[in-house]
Amino acid sequence: MKNRRWRIGSAVTAAVAVGVAGVLGLHSLVPGWLGTAIDSGLPWFGVVLPLLLGASVVRRSRWAFVVSLVPSILWTVMFGPVLVPRSGADHHDLRVATLNLGATNPEPRTALAAVAEADPDVLVLQELTVGNRAAAGLALDRTWIHHTVTGTVGIWSKVPLSDMSPVDIGIGWTRALRVTVPTQDGPLRIYVAHLASARPAATAERNQTVASLARTIAADESPRLLLAGDLNTTTTDRQFAAFEPLEDTQVEAGSGFGFTWPSKLPVMRPDHILQRGMSTQRSWVVEAPGSDHRAAFAELDTA
């Protein structure tokens, strides 16, 4: 009887391993919002893998262990490089930060102080409201003297802003803008965006805003371009590919997944800094007390 239970346990372990391998390898075939949800959760399948391997070892089942190696290898190929620190040389021309301030944040100055402590050259904010816009100005205007706000997004900068204009992302109100800033290697076009939210069984509007913004950026011929903000899209989400060939600064020069939401125990990264025509030297995340997001940072070589 005991041997039978152990054989059943080994079979269950192997079956789960096959299922996990199937999800990792074939997730793009799952349609609709369920596919999007699975995409976003792919990194967390790594939590199951040591349990599968451990169970097969405890049961002394070689075949269950071999089967469990398959999803382990797949996951390692997909995400192993992300876990290796990738910071570049100790040099940067521009430090950029993005933070979803939180429309209901009771004390935005605390969150802004945490971000300001890292001294970015350019800071972009989302979920600016009538209530927190004034607090943001009081906290930032003296140091980041160049700034503009359009709708619920804004940018504060130590370097001059020009060519400022709103960007239509097809959502019915303004949640994106673009500006140009000078760098020692030439002008840099910066897009700031807060895309529509993705919720269970309700991703159509988010997908629409991704596609709209991606088309606008693809049509922009600026040699240096940066997109920063709350894109409500993870790097493993199939919609994220729309932003290619922009490079993800966290993938280029971060350490780990750089999750930013929710702030207390982040499990995904909807906040991004993407670039083209430059190189990323470092990327990291800072906790911003009071906001339900953490701030994302990147240091860029503009050459």
C-alpha atoms as a PDB file:
ATOM      1  CA  MET A   1       0.000   0.000   0.000  1.00  0.00           C
ATOM      2  CA  LYS A   2       2.797   2.405   0.893  1.00  0.00           C
ATOM      3  CA  ASN A   3       4.622   1.697  -2.373  1.00  0.00           C
ATOM      4  CA  ARG A   4       1.400   2.327  -4.265  1.00  0.00           C
ATOM      5  CA  ARG A   5       0.905   5.700  -2.565  1.00  0.00           C
ATOM      6  CA  TRP A   6       4.489   6.643  -3.364  1.00  0.00           C
ATOM      7  CA  ARG A   7       4.044   5.667  -7.005  1.00  0.00           C
ATOM      8  CA  ILE A   8       0.900   7.784  -7.161  1.00  0.00           C
ATOM      9  CA  GLY A   9       2.743  10.678  -5.530  1.00  0.00           C
ATOM     10  CA  SER A  10       5.564  10.400  -8.067  1.00  0.00           C
ATOM     11  CA  ALA A  11       3.047  10.319 -10.910  1.00  0.00           C
ATOM     12  CA  VAL A  12       1.336  13.455  -9.564  1.00  0.00           C
ATOM     13  CA  THR A  13       4.715  15.205  -9.265  1.00  0.00           C
ATOM     14  CA  ALA A  14       5.554  14.310 -12.852  1.00  0.00           C
ATOM     15  CA  ALA A  15       2.118  15.387 -14.084  1.00  0.00           C
ATOM     16  CA  VAL A  16       2.447  18.794 -12.423  1.00  0.00           C
ATOM     17  CA  ALA A  17       5.921  19.159 -13.926  1.00  0.00           C
ATOM     18  CA  VAL A  18       4.553  18.402 -17.387  1.00  0.00           C
ATOM     19  CA  GLY A  19       1.801  20.968 -16.834  1.00  0.00           C
ATOM     20  CA  VAL A  20       4.249  23.658 -15.742  1.00  0.00           C
ATOM     21  CA  ALA A  21       6.502  22.896 -18.718  1.00  0.00           C
ATOM     22  CA  GLY A  22       3.494  23.189 -21.000  1.00  0.00           C
ATOM     23  CA  VAL A  23       2.548  26.573 -19.594  1.00  0.00           C
ATOM     24  CA  LEU A  24       6.122  27.883 -19.867  1.00  0.00           C
ATOM     25  CA  GLY A  25       6.577  26.631 -23.407  1.00  0.00           C
ATOM     26  CA  LEU A  26       3.108  27.197 -24.854  1.00  0.00           C
ATOM     27  CA  HIS A  27       1.676  30.125 -22.858  1.00  0.00           C
ATOM     28  CA  SER A  28       1.468  32.297 -25.978  1.00  0.00           C
ATOM     29  CA  LEU A  29      -1.176  29.923 -27.372  1.00  0.00           C
ATOM     30  CA  VAL A  30      -3.594  30.673 -24.528  1.00  0.00           C
ATOM     31  CA  PRO A  31      -6.010  33.310 -25.898  1.00  0.00           C
ATOM     32  CA  GLY A  32      -7.607  36.388 -24.389  1.00  0.00           C
ATOM     33  CA  TRP A  33      -7.293  37.802 -20.916  1.00  0.00           C
ATOM     34  CA  LEU A  34      -6.386  34.407 -19.460  1.00  0.00           C
ATOM     35  CA  GLY A  35      -3.334  34.307 -21.702  1.00  0.00           C
ATOM     36  CA  THR A  36      -2.394  37.802 -20.544  1.00  0.00           C
ATOM     37  CA  ALA A  37      -2.744  36.751 -16.891  1.00  0.00           C
ATOM     38  CA  ILE A  38      -0.557  33.691 -17.436  1.00  0.00           C
ATOM     39  CA  ASP A  39       2.023  35.800 -19.288  1.00  0.00           C
ATOM     40  CA  SER A  40       2.279  38.208 -16.381  1.00  0.00           C
ATOM     41  CA  GLY A  41       2.678  35.426 -13.820  1.00  0.00           C
ATOM     42  CA  LEU A  42       5.349  33.418 -15.660  1.00  0.00           C
ATOM     43  CA  PRO A  43       8.260  34.379 -13.363  1.00  0.00           C
ATOM     44  CA  TRP A  44       6.368  33.002 -10.356  1.00  0.00           C
ATOM     45  CA  PHE A  45       6.236  29.499 -11.810  1.00  0.00           C
ATOM     46  CA  GLY A  46       9.824  29.320 -10.621  1.00  0.00           C
ATOM     47  CA  VAL A  47       8.525  28.967  -7.052  1.00  0.00           C
ATOM     48  CA  VAL A  48       7.008  25.579  -7.897  1.00  0.00           C
ATOM     49  CA  LEU A  49      10.148  24.079  -9.431  1.00  0.00           C
ATOM     50  CA  PRO A  50      12.194  23.424  -6.253  1.00  0.00           C
ATOM     51  CA  LEU A  51       9.110  21.805  -4.734  1.00  0.00           C
ATOM     52  CA  LEU A  52       8.792  19.437  -7.678  1.00  0.00           C
ATOM     53  CA  LEU A  53      12.464  18.535  -7.620  1.00  0.00           C
ATOM     54  CA  GLY A  54      12.396  18.128  -3.849  1.00  0.00           C
ATOM     55  CA  ALA A  55       9.332  15.894  -3.978  1.00  0.00           C
ATOM     56  CA  SER A  56      10.919  13.632  -6.561  1.00  0.00           C
ATOM     57  CA  VAL A  57      14.099  13.354  -4.472  1.00  0.00           C
ATOM     58  CA  VAL A  58      12.155  12.536  -1.302  1.00  0.00           C
ATOM     59  CA  ARG A  59      10.256   9.845  -3.170  1.00  0.00           C
ATOM     60  CA  ARG A  60      13.500   8.580  -4.742  1.00  0.00           C
ATOM     61  CA  SER A  61      11.829   8.662  -8.123  1.00  0.00           C
ATOM     62  CA  ARG A  62      14.403   9.101 -10.856  1.00  0.00           C
ATOM     63  CA  TRP A  63      11.834   9.424 -13.621  1.00  0.00           C
ATOM     64  CA  ALA A  64       9.844  12.060 -11.727  1.00  0.00           C
ATOM     65  CA  PHE A  65      13.108  13.941 -11.114  1.00  0.00           C
ATOM     66  CA  VAL A  66      14.018  13.814 -14.810  1.00  0.00           C
ATOM     67  CA  VAL A  67      10.537  15.020 -15.796  1.00  0.00           C
ATOM     68  CA  SER A  68      10.790  17.834 -13.216  1.00  0.00           C
ATOM     69  CA  LEU A  69      14.068  18.947 -14.762  1.00  0.00           C
ATOM     70  CA  VAL A  70      12.274  19.891 -17.982  1.00  0.00           C
ATOM     71  CA  PRO A  71      10.313  22.908 -16.612  1.00  0.00           C
ATOM     72  CA  SER A  72      13.318  23.810 -14.452  1.00  0.00           C
ATOM     73  CA  ILE A  73      15.525  24.067 -17.536  1.00  0.00           C
ATOM     74  CA  LEU A  74      12.859  25.991 -19.445  1.00  0.00           C
ATOM     75  CA  TRP A  75      12.409  28.491 -16.620  1.00  0.00           C
ATOM     76  CA  THR A  76      16.168  28.919 -16.216  1.00  0.00           C
ATOM     77  CA  VAL A  77      16.615  29.610 -19.920  1.00  0.00           C
ATOM     78  CA  MET A  78      13.760  32.136 -19.854  1.00  0.00           C
ATOM     79  CA  PHE A  79      14.580  33.962 -16.620  1.00  0.00           C
ATOM     80  CA  GLY A  80      17.977  32.862 -15.354  1.00  0.00           C
ATOM     81  CA  PRO A  81      19.826  35.761 -17.032  1.00  0.00           C
ATOM     82  CA  VAL A  82      17.469  38.236 -15.315  1.00  0.00           C
ATOM     83  CA  LEU A  83      18.729  37.104 -11.905  1.00  0.00           C
ATOM     84  CA  VAL A  84      22.358  37.943 -12.741  1.00  0.00           C
ATOM     85  CA  PRO A  85      23.391  41.557 -11.905  1.00  0.00           C
ATOM     86  CA  ARG A  86      23.887  43.405 -15.165  1.00  0.00           C
ATOM     87  CA  SER A  87      25.034  46.921 -14.207  1.00  0.00           C
ATOM     88  CA  GLY A  88      27.479  48.493 -16.640  1.00  0.00           C
ATOM     89  CA  ALA A  89      30.348  50.923 -16.238  1.00  0.00           C
ATOM     90  CA  ASP A  90      30.299  53.506 -13.465  1.00  0.00           C
ATOM     91  CA  HIS A  91      29.300  56.308 -15.818  1.00  0.00           C
ATOM     92  CA  HIS A  92      26.051  57.886 -16.911  1.00  0.00           C
ATOM     93  CA  ASP A  93      24.890  61.020 -18.689  1.00  0.00           C
ATOM     94  CA  LEU A  94      21.289  61.004 -17.506  1.00  0.00           C
ATOM     95  CA  ARG A  95      19.436  59.542 -14.511  1.00  0.00           C
ATOM     96  CA  VAL A  96      15.697  59.044 -15.008  1.00  0.00           C
ATOM     97  CA  ALA A  97      12.968  58.028 -12.547  1.00  0.00           C
ATOM     98  CA  THR A  98       9.297  57.167 -12.911  1.00  0.00           C
ATOM     99  CA  LEU A  99       6.646  56.867 -10.193  1.00  0.00           C
ATOM    100  CA  ASN A 100       2.908  56.326 -10.119  1.00  0.00           C
ATOM    101  CA  LEU A 101       2.217  58.726  -7.273  1.00  0.00           C
ATOM    102  CA  GLY A 102      -1.213  57.291  -6.488  1.00  0.00           C
ATOM    103  CA  ALA A 103      -4.407  59.284  -6.871  1.00  0.00           C
ATOM    104  CA  THR A 104      -5.405  58.557  -3.262  1.00  0.00           C
ATOM    105  CA  ASN A 105      -1.941  58.966  -1.751  1.00  0.00           C
ATOM    106  CA  PRO A 106      -2.614  60.886   1.506  1.00  0.00           C
ATOM    107  CA  GLU A 107       0.894  62.342   1.713  1.00  0.00           C
ATOM    108  CA  PRO A 108       2.621  62.477  -1.689  1.00  0.00           C
ATOM    109  CA  ARG A 109       5.531  64.519  -0.332  1.00  0.00           C
ATOM    110  CA  THR A 110       6.839  61.464   1.533  1.00  0.00           C
ATOM    111  CA  ALA A 111       6.933  59.416  -1.661  1.00  0.00           C
ATOM    112  CA  LEU A 112       8.482  62.289  -3.596  1.00  0.00           C
ATOM    113  CA  ALA A 113      11.146  62.802  -0.937  1.00  0.00           C
ATOM    114  CA  ALA A 114      12.224  59.159  -1.290  1.00  0.00           C
ATOM    115  CA  VAL A 115      12.556  59.556  -5.047  1.00  0.00           C
ATOM    116  CA  ALA A 116      14.235  62.962  -4.814  1.00  0.00           C
ATOM    117  CA  GLU A 117      16.854  61.495  -2.478  1.00  0.00           C
ATOM    118  CA  ALA A 118      18.202  59.493  -5.424  1.00  0.00           C
ATOM    119  CA  ASP A 119      18.565  62.799  -7.314  1.00  0.00           C
ATOM    120  CA  PRO A 120      17.270  61.993 -10.815  1.00  0.00           C
ATOM    121  CA  ASP A 121      17.908  64.456 -13.626  1.00  0.00           C
ATOM    122  CA  VAL A 122      14.433  63.743 -14.976  1.00  0.00           C
ATOM    123  CA  LEU A 123      11.433  62.546 -12.948  1.00  0.00           C
ATOM    124  CA  VAL A 124       8.131  61.515 -14.504  1.00  0.00           C
ATOM    125  CA  LEU A 125       4.947  61.107 -12.482  1.00  0.00           C
ATOM    126  CA  GLN A 126       1.585  59.485 -13.100  1.00  0.00           C
ATOM    127  CA  GLU A 127      -1.779  59.804 -11.335  1.00  0.00           C
ATOM    128  CA  LEU A 128      -1.373  63.502 -10.715  1.00  0.00           C
ATOM    129  CA  THR A 129      -4.606  64.989  -9.377  1.00  0.00           C
ATOM    130  CA  VAL A 130      -5.905  68.359  -8.268  1.00  0.00           C
ATOM    131  CA  GLY A 131      -5.086  67.266  -4.719  1.00  0.00           C
ATOM    132  CA  ASN A 132      -1.508  66.068  -5.130  1.00  0.00           C
ATOM    133  CA  ARG A 133      -0.350  68.325  -7.987  1.00  0.00           C
ATOM    134  CA  ALA A 134       0.282  71.245  -5.624  1.00  0.00           C
ATOM    135  CA  ALA A 135       2.228  69.022  -3.220  1.00  0.00           C
ATOM    136  CA  ALA A 136       4.353  67.769  -6.105  1.00  0.00           C
ATOM    137  CA  GLY A 137       5.147  71.327  -7.108  1.00  0.00           C
ATOM    138  CA  LEU A 138       6.165  72.300  -3.583  1.00  0.00           C
ATOM    139  CA  ALA A 139       8.426  69.276  -3.317  1.00  0.00           C
ATOM    140  CA  LEU A 140      10.063  69.469  -6.726  1.00  0.00           C
ATOM    141  CA  ASP A 141       9.839  72.881  -8.401  1.00  0.00           C
ATOM    142  CA  ARG A 142      12.922  74.429  -6.766  1.00  0.00           C
ATOM    143  CA  THR A 143      15.320  71.699  -7.863  1.00  0.00           C
ATOM    144  CA  TRP A 144      13.633  70.372 -10.994  1.00  0.00           C
ATOM    145  CA  ILE A 145      12.827  73.812 -12.315  1.00  0.00           C
ATOM    146  CA  HIS A 146      11.645  72.727 -15.768  1.00  0.00           C
ATOM    147  CA  HIS A 147       8.313  70.959 -15.656  1.00  0.00           C
ATOM    148  CA  THR A 148       5.072  70.396 -17.467  1.00  0.00           C
ATOM    149  CA  VAL A 149       1.847  68.562 -16.627  1.00  0.00           C
ATOM    150  CA  THR A 150      -0.722  67.308 -19.105  1.00  0.00           C
ATOM    151  CA  GLY A 151      -3.810  65.602 -17.772  1.00  0.00           C
ATOM    152  CA  THR A 152      -2.707  63.168 -15.067  1.00  0.00           C
ATOM    153  CA  VAL A 153       0.955  62.820 -16.125  1.00  0.00           C
ATOM    154  CA  GLY A 154       3.867  65.183 -15.671  1.00  0.00           C
ATOM    155  CA  ILE A 155       7.604  65.576 -15.979  1.00  0.00           C
ATOM    156  CA  TRP A 156      10.079  67.500 -13.813  1.00  0.00           C
ATOM    157  CA  SER A 157      13.594  68.081 -15.118  1.00  0.00           C
ATOM    158  CA  LYS A 158      16.886  69.743 -14.247  1.00  0.00           C
ATOM    159  CA  VAL A 159      17.491  70.323 -17.952  1.00  0.00           C
ATOM    160  CA  PRO A 160      15.283  72.434 -20.237  1.00  0.00           C
ATOM    161  CA  LEU A 161      12.163  70.985 -21.846  1.00  0.00           C
ATOM    162  CA  SER A 162      11.029  71.791 -25.380  1.00  0.00           C
ATOM    163  CA  ASP A 163       8.563  70.497 -27.997  1.00  0.00           C
ATOM    164  CA  MET A 164       6.048  69.713 -25.255  1.00  0.00           C
ATOM    165  CA  SER A 165       2.756  68.221 -26.418  1.00  0.00           C
ATOM    166  CA  PRO A 166       0.069  65.765 -25.267  1.00  0.00           C
ATOM    167  CA  VAL A 167      -0.094  62.307 -26.818  1.00  0.00           C
ATOM    168  CA  ASP A 168      -3.402  60.666 -27.688  1.00  0.00           C
ATOM    169  CA  ILE A 169      -3.491  57.029 -26.552  1.00  0.00           C
ATOM    170  CA  GLY A 170      -7.158  56.561 -27.452  1.00  0.00           C
ATOM    171  CA  ILE A 171      -8.516  56.488 -23.920  1.00  0.00           C
ATOM    172  CA  GLY A 172     -10.691  59.594 -23.998  1.00  0.00           C
ATOM    173  CA  TRP A 173      -8.583  61.768 -21.698  1.00  0.00           C
ATOM    174  CA  THR A 174      -4.942  62.776 -21.578  1.00  0.00           C
ATOM    175  CA  ARG A 175      -2.601  60.302 -19.895  1.00  0.00           C
ATOM    176  CA  ALA A 176       0.505  60.723 -22.050  1.00  0.00           C
ATOM    177  CA  LEU A 177       2.814  63.499 -23.198  1.00  0.00           C
ATOM    178  CA  ARG A 178       6.122  63.983 -24.983  1.00  0.00           C
ATOM    179  CA  VAL A 179       8.960  66.448 -24.569  1.00  0.00           C
ATOM    180  CA  THR A 180      12.496  66.917 -25.826  1.00  0.00           C
ATOM    181  CA  VAL A 181      15.504  67.456 -23.564  1.00  0.00           C
ATOM    182  CA  PRO A 182      19.096  68.291 -24.538  1.00  0.00           C
ATOM    183  CA  THR A 183      21.974  65.902 -23.832  1.00  0.00           C
ATOM    184  CA  GLN A 184      25.668  66.166 -24.548  1.00  0.00           C
ATOM    185  CA  ASP A 185      25.169  63.796 -27.478  1.00  0.00           C
ATOM    186  CA  GLY A 186      22.122  65.472 -28.969  1.00  0.00           C
ATOM    187  CA  PRO A 187      18.388  65.862 -28.264  1.00  0.00           C
ATOM    188  CA  LEU A 188      16.445  63.136 -26.487  1.00  0.00           C
ATOM    189  CA  ARG A 189      12.717  62.634 -27.042  1.00  0.00           C
ATOM    190  CA  ILE A 190      10.927  61.512 -23.863  1.00  0.00           C
ATOM    191  CA  TYR A 191       7.447  59.994 -23.763  1.00  0.00           C
ATOM    192  CA  VAL A 192       5.574  59.829 -20.455  1.00  0.00           C
ATOM    193  CA  ALA A 193       2.537  57.550 -20.262  1.00  0.00           C
ATOM    194  CA  HIS A 194       0.010  55.946 -17.947  1.00  0.00           C
ATOM    195  CA  LEU A 195      -1.782  53.301 -19.972  1.00  0.00           C
ATOM    196  CA  ALA A 196      -5.177  51.823 -19.204  1.00  0.00           C
ATOM    197  CA  SER A 197      -5.411  49.164 -16.510  1.00  0.00           C
ATOM    198  CA  ALA A 198      -5.602  45.444 -17.255  1.00  0.00           C
ATOM    199  CA  ARG A 199      -8.068  43.509 -15.118  1.00  0.00           C
ATOM    200  CA  PRO A 200      -9.424  39.943 -15.275  1.00  0.00           C
ATOM    201  CA  ALA A 201     -11.625  39.594 -18.350  1.00  0.00           C
ATOM    202  CA  ALA A 202     -11.020  43.287 -19.154  1.00  0.00           C
ATOM    203  CA  THR A 203      -7.814  43.887 -21.099  1.00  0.00           C
ATOM    204  CA  ALA A 204      -9.178  45.321 -24.355  1.00  0.00           C
ATOM    205  CA  GLU A 205      -8.785  48.977 -23.370  1.00  0.00           C
ATOM    206  CA  ARG A 206      -5.247  48.382 -22.069  1.00  0.00           C
ATOM    207  CA  ASN A 207      -4.344  46.575 -25.296  1.00  0.00           C
ATOM    208  CA  GLN A 208      -5.765  49.480 -27.293  1.00  0.00           C
ATOM    209  CA  THR A 209      -3.652  52.039 -25.444  1.00  0.00           C
ATOM    210  CA  VAL A 210      -0.523  49.885 -25.860  1.00  0.00           C
ATOM    211  CA  ALA A 211      -1.100  49.644 -29.606  1.00  0.00           C
ATOM    212  CA  SER A 212      -1.852  53.362 -29.956  1.00  0.00           C
ATOM    213  CA  LEU A 213       1.236  54.488 -28.043  1.00  0.00           C
ATOM    214  CA  ALA A 214       3.453  51.939 -29.802  1.00  0.00           C
ATOM    215  CA  ARG A 215       2.335  53.252 -33.212  1.00  0.00           C
ATOM    216  CA  THR A 216       3.092  56.828 -32.197  1.00  0.00           C
ATOM    217  CA  ILE A 217       6.565  55.902 -30.956  1.00  0.00           C
ATOM    218  CA  ALA A 218       7.318  53.791 -34.035  1.00  0.00           C
ATOM    219  CA  ALA A 219       6.531  56.806 -36.212  1.00  0.00           C
ATOM    220  CA  ASP A 220       8.915  59.019 -34.198  1.00  0.00           C
ATOM    221  CA  GLU A 221      12.255  59.177 -35.997  1.00  0.00           C
ATOM    222  CA  SER A 222      14.196  60.694 -33.079  1.00  0.00           C
ATOM    223  CA  PRO A 223      17.630  59.011 -32.850  1.00  0.00           C
ATOM    224  CA  ARG A 224      17.374  58.921 -29.036  1.00  0.00           C
ATOM    225  CA  LEU A 225      14.051  58.106 -27.467  1.00  0.00           C
ATOM    226  CA  LEU A 226      12.868  57.172 -23.999  1.00  0.00           C
ATOM    227  CA  LEU A 227       9.484  55.921 -22.766  1.00  0.00           C
ATOM    228  CA  ALA A 228       8.781  56.025 -19.029  1.00  0.00           C
ATOM    229  CA  GLY A 229       5.677  55.475 -16.953  1.00  0.00           C
ATOM    230  CA  ASP A 230       3.078  53.045 -15.706  1.00  0.00           C
ATOM    231  CA  LEU A 231       2.411  50.953 -18.797  1.00  0.00           C
ATOM    232  CA  ASN A 232       0.206  48.429 -16.945  1.00  0.00           C
ATOM    233  CA  THR A 233       2.052  45.753 -18.919  1.00  0.00           C
ATOM    234  CA  THR A 234       4.744  43.345 -17.715  1.00  0.00           C
ATOM    235  CA  THR A 235       7.763  42.408 -19.807  1.00  0.00           C
ATOM    236  CA  THR A 236       6.396  38.871 -20.153  1.00  0.00           C
ATOM    237  CA  ASP A 237       2.977  40.099 -21.335  1.00  0.00           C
ATOM    238  CA  ARG A 238       2.494  39.363 -25.040  1.00  0.00           C
ATOM    239  CA  GLN A 239       1.406  42.991 -25.576  1.00  0.00           C
ATOM    240  CA  PHE A 240       4.817  44.231 -24.445  1.00  0.00           C
ATOM    241  CA  ALA A 241       6.355  43.171 -27.761  1.00  0.00           C
ATOM    242  CA  ALA A 242       4.546  46.111 -29.396  1.00  0.00           C
ATOM    243  CA  PHE A 243       7.215  48.426 -27.984  1.00  0.00           C
ATOM    244  CA  GLU A 244      10.071  46.715 -29.813  1.00  0.00           C
ATOM    245  CA  PRO A 245      12.757  47.695 -30.696  1.00  0.00           C
ATOM    246  CA  LEU A 246      12.847  49.760 -27.483  1.00  0.00           C
ATOM    247  CA  GLU A 247      15.156  48.191 -24.893  1.00  0.00           C
ATOM    248  CA  ASP A 248      13.973  47.545 -21.338  1.00  0.00           C
ATOM    249  CA  THR A 249      16.460  49.250 -18.999  1.00  0.00           C
ATOM    250  CA  GLN A 250      15.791  46.722 -16.220  1.00  0.00           C
ATOM    251  CA  VAL A 251      16.646  43.856 -18.558  1.00  0.00           C
ATOM    252  CA  GLU A 252      19.718  45.714 -19.814  1.00  0.00           C
ATOM    253  CA  ALA A 253      21.277  46.714 -16.514  1.00  0.00           C
ATOM    254  CA  GLY A 254      19.116  45.730 -13.552  1.00  0.00           C
ATOM    255  CA  SER A 255      19.409  43.072 -10.884  1.00  0.00           C
ATOM    256  CA  GLY A 256      16.481  40.683 -10.602  1.00  0.00           C
ATOM    257  CA  PHE A 257      12.983  41.306 -11.892  1.00  0.00           C
ATOM    258  CA  GLY A 258      12.663  44.825 -10.470  1.00  0.00           C
ATOM    259  CA  PHE A 259       9.038  44.367  -9.416  1.00  0.00           C
ATOM    260  CA  THR A 260       7.259  47.642  -8.556  1.00  0.00           C
ATOM    261  CA  TRP A 261       3.658  46.711  -7.660  1.00  0.00           C
ATOM    262  CA  PRO A 262       2.159  46.507  -5.103  1.00  0.00           C
ATOM    263  CA  SER A 263       4.699  48.475  -3.121  1.00  0.00           C
ATOM    264  CA  LYS A 264       4.542  46.468   0.130  1.00  0.00           C
ATOM    265  CA  LEU A 265       5.175  43.114  -1.520  1.00  0.00           C
ATOM    266  CA  PRO A 266       5.722  43.674  -5.250  1.00  0.00           C
ATOM    267  CA  VAL A 267       4.906  40.758  -7.523  1.00  0.00           C
ATOM    268  CA  MET A 268       5.060  42.378 -10.971  1.00  0.00           C
ATOM    269  CA  ARG A 269       6.558  45.321 -12.847  1.00  0.00           C
ATOM    270  CA  PRO A 270       4.020  47.523 -14.652  1.00  0.00           C
ATOM    271  CA  ASP A 271       6.351  50.554 -14.366  1.00  0.00           C
ATOM    272  CA  HIS A 272       9.004  50.784 -17.043  1.00  0.00           C
ATOM    273  CA  ILE A 273      11.787  52.861 -18.533  1.00  0.00           C
ATOM    274  CA  LEU A 274      12.402  51.841 -22.153  1.00  0.00           C
ATOM    275  CA  GLN A 275      14.938  53.351 -24.517  1.00  0.00           C
ATOM    276  CA  ARG A 276      16.472  53.269 -27.965  1.00  0.00           C
ATOM    277  CA  GLY A 277      19.620  54.891 -29.347  1.00  0.00           C
ATOM    278  CA  MET A 278      21.392  54.816 -25.970  1.00  0.00           C
ATOM    279  CA  SER A 279      22.750  52.282 -23.495  1.00  0.00           C
ATOM    280  CA  THR A 280      21.660  51.595 -19.933  1.00  0.00           C
ATOM    281  CA  GLN A 281      24.340  51.545 -17.242  1.00  0.00           C
ATOM    282  CA  ARG A 282      22.180  50.779 -14.207  1.00  0.00           C
ATOM    283  CA  SER A 283      18.541  50.128 -13.305  1.00  0.00           C
ATOM    284  CA  TRP A 284      16.969  49.762  -9.863  1.00  0.00           C
ATOM    285  CA  VAL A 285      13.823  50.236  -7.779  1.00  0.00           C
ATOM    286  CA  VAL A 286      13.175  52.524  -4.786  1.00  0.00           C
ATOM    287  CA  GLU A 287      10.334  52.262  -2.274  1.00  0.00           C
ATOM    288  CA  ALA A 288       8.144  55.389  -2.222  1.00  0.00           C
ATOM    289  CA  PRO A 289       6.175  55.440   1.066  1.00  0.00           C
ATOM    290  CA  GLY A 290       2.525  56.302   0.564  1.00  0.00           C
ATOM    291  CA  SER A 291       2.334  55.192  -3.055  1.00  0.00           C
ATOM    292  CA  ASP A 292       1.098  51.737  -4.004  1.00  0.00           C
ATOM    293  CA  HIS A 293       3.918  51.572  -6.561  1.00  0.00           C
ATOM    294  CA  ARG A 294       7.668  51.632  -6.183  1.00  0.00           C
ATOM    295  CA  ALA A 295       9.725  54.034  -8.274  1.00  0.00           C
ATOM    296  CA  ALA A 296      11.845  52.731 -11.150  1.00  0.00           C
ATOM    297  CA  PHE A 297      15.219  54.321 -11.954  1.00  0.00           C
ATOM    298  CA  ALA A 298      17.664  54.058 -14.849  1.00  0.00           C
ATOM    299  CA  GLU A 299      21.047  55.609 -15.596  1.00  0.00           C
ATOM    300  CA  LEU A 300      21.727  56.093 -19.289  1.00  0.00           C
ATOM    301  CA  ASP A 301      24.737  56.734 -21.495  1.00  0.00           C
ATOM    302  CA  THR A 302      23.314  58.922 -24.257  1.00  0.00           C
ATOM    303  CA  ALA A 303      26.096  58.230 -26.768  1.00  0.00           C
END
